[in-house]
Amino acid sequence: MRDYLVFRLYGPLASWGEPAVGGDRPTSAYPSRSAVLGLLGAALGIKRDDKVQLSSLQQSVCIGIKQCVPGSLLRDYHTAQVPSHDKKRIHRTRQSELKTGKKLQTVLSKRDYRCDGLWVVAVWLSPSATISLNEFKKALLKPVYPLSLGRKACPPALPLQPTLVANADLKSALDMEFPAITASNKSDSLWLGTTPYVTYFWEGDVGEINDERVLTTHPWDDPINRSRWQFKQRVMHQLTVEGANDVSV
């Protein structure tokens, strides 16, 4: 039993990045650890090049996720023209980038998104935490930088409703009730009923949710260096169960 900060993520578009090769940018069905850390960092006002603060944040929290609705998959085909890379100059605007006079190159990529997905996130503190759950809550209620669901083009469509849950187990925290998304809880139940399963993901002790069906995986989503897009593996556990209609979100 421990204390948690629980909040909800919902939006018409989300993109939870996975290891990318070439021009393909796939998305996971649920928020990655990197994405949740990025969201918390943006709320706190930590800049992407502040390695000390990012490392402190990374070592402060453990994360659990409940996937209520994974959403449908959307693939977007991109073509973009960019000038040759110049390490000596940083462009703040697209206009500045195009005024360099350098020959434009065409970049092709495919980017995946989850459409109309719904997730509940629970955050708890590690023994080496330097930030309190209440500080995280205040930051999510009044973020320094805009929050996004994996990409800047994917803002949350609803308030996150961050809530402190005291002295609870992980599953109880993730199953907490949130205000209705649609006009009524009945309408929510009809919408959630299109997905007959919910999946729990968590790190740390495999026994956080005691069930013989728990599966352990090793995703590459723990950031090492954000500027270089380097990640390392971590141990993650997951459990899929029936009964989305019985879950209040």
Protein backbone atom coordinates (compact mmCIF):
# COMPACT_ATOMS: atom_id res chain seq x y z
CA MET A 1 0.00 0.00 0.00
CA ARG A 2 1.31 3.46 -0.92
CA ASP A 3 0.29 6.93 -2.14
CA TYR A 4 -0.31 7.66 -5.84
CA LEU A 5 -0.96 10.58 -8.14
CA VAL A 6 -3.54 9.46 -10.69
CA PHE A 7 -4.60 11.32 -13.84
CA ARG A 8 -6.43 10.65 -17.09
CA LEU A 9 -5.17 11.05 -20.67
CA TYR A 10 -7.66 11.39 -23.51
CA GLY A 11 -7.42 12.97 -26.95
CA PRO A 12 -8.48 12.62 -30.59
CA LEU A 13 -4.82 11.94 -31.45
CA ALA A 14 -1.94 10.51 -29.44
CA SER A 15 1.43 9.13 -30.47
CA TRP A 16 3.40 7.01 -28.01
CA GLY A 17 6.75 6.64 -29.75
CA GLU A 18 8.49 3.30 -30.11
CA PRO A 19 12.02 2.57 -31.42
CA ALA A 20 12.13 4.02 -34.94
CA VAL A 21 14.15 2.91 -37.95
CA GLY A 22 14.47 5.06 -41.05
CA GLY A 23 11.43 7.20 -41.82
CA ASP A 24 8.87 5.09 -39.95
CA ARG A 25 7.61 6.47 -36.63
CA PRO A 26 5.42 3.80 -35.00
CA THR A 27 3.28 4.27 -31.89
CA SER A 28 2.59 1.97 -28.99
CA ALA A 29 -0.98 1.30 -27.88
CA TYR A 30 -0.31 2.86 -24.47
CA PRO A 31 1.79 5.78 -23.09
CA SER A 32 5.50 4.96 -22.92
CA ARG A 33 7.59 5.79 -19.86
CA SER A 34 9.40 8.41 -21.94
CA ALA A 35 6.10 10.07 -22.89
CA VAL A 36 4.85 10.24 -19.29
CA LEU A 37 8.19 11.63 -18.09
CA GLY A 38 8.06 14.19 -20.91
CA LEU A 39 4.56 15.25 -19.90
CA LEU A 40 5.58 15.63 -16.25
CA GLY A 41 8.73 17.50 -17.26
CA ALA A 42 6.73 19.94 -19.41
CA ALA A 43 4.32 20.54 -16.54
CA LEU A 44 7.21 21.28 -14.18
CA GLY A 45 8.94 23.53 -16.71
CA ILE A 46 12.04 21.37 -17.21
CA LYS A 47 13.77 22.15 -20.51
CA ARG A 48 14.81 19.36 -22.85
CA ASP A 49 18.51 20.20 -22.49
CA ASP A 50 18.48 20.30 -18.68
CA LYS A 51 20.08 16.90 -18.13
CA VAL A 52 20.36 17.27 -14.35
CA GLN A 53 16.66 18.01 -13.80
CA LEU A 54 15.56 15.39 -16.32
CA SER A 55 17.70 12.76 -14.64
CA SER A 56 16.31 13.72 -11.23
CA LEU A 57 12.76 13.43 -12.55
CA GLN A 58 13.50 10.08 -14.16
CA GLN A 59 14.87 8.65 -10.91
CA SER A 60 12.01 10.05 -8.82
CA VAL A 61 8.99 8.28 -10.24
CA CYS A 62 7.57 4.88 -11.03
CA ILE A 63 4.66 4.58 -13.45
CA GLY A 64 1.60 2.39 -13.89
CA ILE A 65 -0.94 2.67 -16.72
CA LYS A 66 -4.43 1.40 -17.35
CA GLN A 67 -5.36 1.20 -21.01
CA CYS A 68 -9.13 1.64 -21.12
CA VAL A 69 -9.48 2.24 -24.87
CA PRO A 70 -6.40 1.82 -27.12
CA GLY A 71 -8.00 3.81 -29.93
CA SER A 72 -7.80 3.08 -33.63
CA LEU A 73 -4.53 3.28 -35.55
CA LEU A 74 -3.93 6.13 -38.02
CA ARG A 75 -0.90 6.33 -40.32
CA ASP A 76 0.06 9.74 -41.68
CA TYR A 77 2.35 9.97 -44.72
CA HIS A 78 4.72 12.96 -44.53
CA THR A 79 6.75 14.77 -47.17
CA ALA A 80 8.82 17.73 -46.03
CA GLN A 81 11.53 19.86 -47.59
CA VAL A 82 14.46 20.89 -45.41
CA PRO A 83 17.88 22.44 -46.13
CA SER A 84 21.11 20.58 -45.44
CA HIS A 85 21.88 20.21 -41.75
CA ASP A 86 24.07 22.93 -40.24
CA LYS A 87 25.46 22.17 -36.77
CA LYS A 88 26.67 25.76 -36.34
CA ARG A 89 23.25 27.34 -36.54
CA ILE A 90 19.96 26.75 -34.73
CA HIS A 91 16.79 27.86 -36.55
CA ARG A 92 13.95 29.18 -34.42
CA THR A 93 11.44 29.47 -37.27
CA ARG A 94 10.66 27.79 -40.56
CA GLN A 95 11.29 31.10 -42.33
CA SER A 96 14.82 31.27 -40.93
CA GLU A 97 15.48 27.70 -42.01
CA LEU A 98 14.44 28.35 -45.62
CA LYS A 99 16.42 31.61 -45.91
CA THR A 100 19.78 29.84 -45.65
CA GLY A 101 19.94 29.55 -49.45
CA LYS A 102 21.00 25.91 -49.21
CA LYS A 103 19.57 23.29 -51.53
CA LEU A 104 16.37 21.77 -50.17
CA GLN A 105 16.16 18.05 -49.56
CA THR A 106 12.94 16.03 -49.46
CA VAL A 107 12.36 13.91 -46.38
CA LEU A 108 9.75 11.13 -46.45
CA SER A 109 8.31 9.58 -43.29
CA LYS A 110 5.30 7.67 -41.98
CA ARG A 111 3.95 8.61 -38.57
CA ASP A 112 1.46 6.57 -36.58
CA TYR A 113 -1.16 7.86 -34.14
CA ARG A 114 -3.78 6.41 -31.81
CA CYS A 115 -7.21 7.97 -32.39
CA ASP A 116 -9.71 8.52 -29.56
CA GLY A 117 -7.75 6.55 -26.96
CA LEU A 118 -8.23 6.69 -23.20
CA TRP A 119 -5.63 5.90 -20.52
CA VAL A 120 -5.31 6.31 -16.75
CA VAL A 121 -1.82 6.92 -15.35
CA ALA A 122 -0.67 6.33 -11.77
CA VAL A 123 2.62 7.80 -10.55
CA TRP A 124 4.33 6.87 -7.29
CA LEU A 125 7.63 7.97 -5.80
CA SER A 126 10.85 5.98 -5.73
CA PRO A 127 13.09 5.95 -2.61
CA SER A 128 15.38 8.51 -4.29
CA ALA A 129 12.56 10.95 -5.17
CA THR A 130 13.34 14.66 -5.00
CA ILE A 131 9.83 15.86 -5.94
CA SER A 132 6.60 15.27 -4.01
CA LEU A 133 3.37 13.97 -5.48
CA ASN A 134 1.67 17.21 -4.48
CA GLU A 135 4.22 19.19 -6.54
CA PHE A 136 3.41 16.98 -9.53
CA LYS A 137 -0.30 17.57 -8.99
CA LYS A 138 0.11 21.35 -8.85
CA ALA A 139 2.24 21.29 -12.01
CA LEU A 140 -0.34 19.26 -13.95
CA LEU A 141 -3.10 21.64 -12.86
CA LYS A 142 -1.04 24.67 -13.95
CA PRO A 143 1.69 23.47 -16.35
CA VAL A 144 4.61 25.69 -17.33
CA TYR A 145 4.71 24.36 -20.91
CA PRO A 146 1.77 23.02 -22.98
CA LEU A 147 1.08 19.34 -22.38
CA SER A 148 0.83 16.81 -25.19
CA LEU A 149 0.04 13.14 -25.74
CA GLY A 150 3.40 12.12 -27.16
CA ARG A 151 3.68 14.82 -29.85
CA LYS A 152 3.17 18.58 -29.77
CA ALA A 153 0.40 18.17 -32.35
CA CYS A 154 -1.55 15.94 -29.91
CA PRO A 155 -2.89 18.05 -27.02
CA PRO A 156 -5.15 16.49 -24.35
CA ALA A 157 -8.83 16.93 -25.15
CA LEU A 158 -9.92 16.94 -21.49
CA PRO A 159 -8.50 18.19 -18.19
CA LEU A 160 -6.19 15.57 -16.69
CA GLN A 161 -7.98 15.69 -13.32
CA PRO A 162 -4.86 14.82 -11.26
CA THR A 163 -5.91 13.25 -7.96
CA LEU A 164 -3.92 12.09 -4.94
CA VAL A 165 -4.86 8.60 -3.79
CA ALA A 166 -3.58 7.67 -0.32
CA ASN A 167 -2.71 4.25 1.06
CA ALA A 168 -3.97 2.15 -1.85
CA ASP A 169 -2.78 -0.70 -4.04
CA LEU A 170 -1.90 -0.06 -7.69
CA LYS A 171 -5.00 -1.62 -9.24
CA SER A 172 -7.35 0.27 -6.92
CA ALA A 173 -5.58 3.52 -7.77
CA LEU A 174 -5.85 2.89 -11.52
CA ASP A 175 -9.52 1.90 -11.16
CA MET A 176 -10.50 5.16 -9.46
CA GLU A 177 -13.53 6.98 -10.85
CA PHE A 178 -13.22 10.07 -13.04
CA PRO A 179 -15.94 12.48 -14.23
CA ALA A 180 -17.87 11.37 -17.31
CA ILE A 181 -16.25 12.11 -20.66
CA THR A 182 -19.52 12.33 -22.58
CA ALA A 183 -22.87 13.71 -21.46
CA SER A 184 -23.45 10.91 -18.95
CA ASN A 185 -21.85 7.84 -17.41
CA LYS A 186 -24.32 5.75 -19.39
CA SER A 187 -22.97 7.17 -22.66
CA ASP A 188 -19.43 6.48 -21.46
CA SER A 189 -20.34 2.86 -20.78
CA LEU A 190 -21.67 2.43 -24.32
CA TRP A 191 -18.48 3.93 -25.75
CA LEU A 192 -16.17 1.88 -23.53
CA GLY A 193 -18.19 -1.22 -24.33
CA THR A 194 -16.64 -1.26 -27.81
CA THR A 195 -13.44 -2.51 -26.10
CA PRO A 196 -14.19 -5.64 -24.05
CA TYR A 197 -10.78 -5.67 -22.33
CA VAL A 198 -8.63 -3.36 -20.23
CA THR A 199 -4.88 -3.76 -19.82
CA TYR A 200 -2.71 -2.74 -16.88
CA PHE A 201 0.99 -1.91 -17.36
CA TRP A 202 3.41 -1.25 -14.51
CA GLU A 203 7.05 -1.30 -13.53
CA GLY A 204 8.74 -2.52 -10.38
CA ASP A 205 7.46 -5.54 -8.47
CA VAL A 206 5.61 -8.08 -10.61
CA GLY A 207 3.35 -8.72 -7.62
CA GLU A 208 1.89 -5.19 -7.64
CA ILE A 209 -1.12 -6.86 -9.27
CA ASN A 210 -1.30 -10.48 -8.17
CA ASP A 211 -2.44 -12.64 -11.07
CA GLU A 212 -0.93 -15.74 -12.68
CA ARG A 213 -1.62 -14.29 -16.15
CA VAL A 214 0.84 -11.39 -15.74
CA LEU A 215 3.22 -11.03 -18.69
CA THR A 216 6.69 -9.46 -18.34
CA THR A 217 8.23 -7.55 -21.26
CA HIS A 218 11.29 -5.33 -21.85
CA PRO A 219 10.34 -2.20 -23.86
CA TRP A 220 12.94 0.32 -25.04
CA ASP A 221 11.30 3.46 -23.68
CA ASP A 222 13.41 4.67 -20.74
CA PRO A 223 15.22 7.82 -21.98
CA ILE A 224 19.00 8.14 -21.74
CA ASN A 225 19.48 11.29 -23.82
CA ARG A 226 16.50 13.21 -25.23
CA SER A 227 18.51 15.41 -27.58
CA ARG A 228 20.02 12.33 -29.22
CA TRP A 229 16.86 10.20 -28.89
CA GLN A 230 18.65 7.43 -27.01
CA PHE A 231 16.71 4.96 -24.87
CA LYS A 232 17.36 1.89 -22.76
CA GLN A 233 15.33 -1.19 -21.91
CA ARG A 234 13.36 -1.56 -18.72
CA VAL A 235 11.30 -4.32 -17.12
CA MET A 236 7.54 -3.89 -17.45
CA HIS A 237 4.63 -6.12 -16.46
CA GLN A 238 1.17 -6.22 -18.00
CA LEU A 239 -2.17 -7.86 -17.38
CA THR A 240 -5.20 -7.88 -19.68
CA VAL A 241 -8.61 -8.61 -18.16
CA GLU A 242 -12.20 -8.59 -19.31
CA GLY A 243 -14.80 -6.15 -18.12
CA ALA A 244 -14.35 -2.64 -19.54
CA ASN A 245 -18.06 -2.01 -18.85
CA ASP A 246 -17.47 -2.59 -15.13
CA VAL A 247 -14.67 -0.02 -14.89
CA SER A 248 -15.55 3.56 -13.92
CA VAL A 249 -13.42 6.09 -15.75
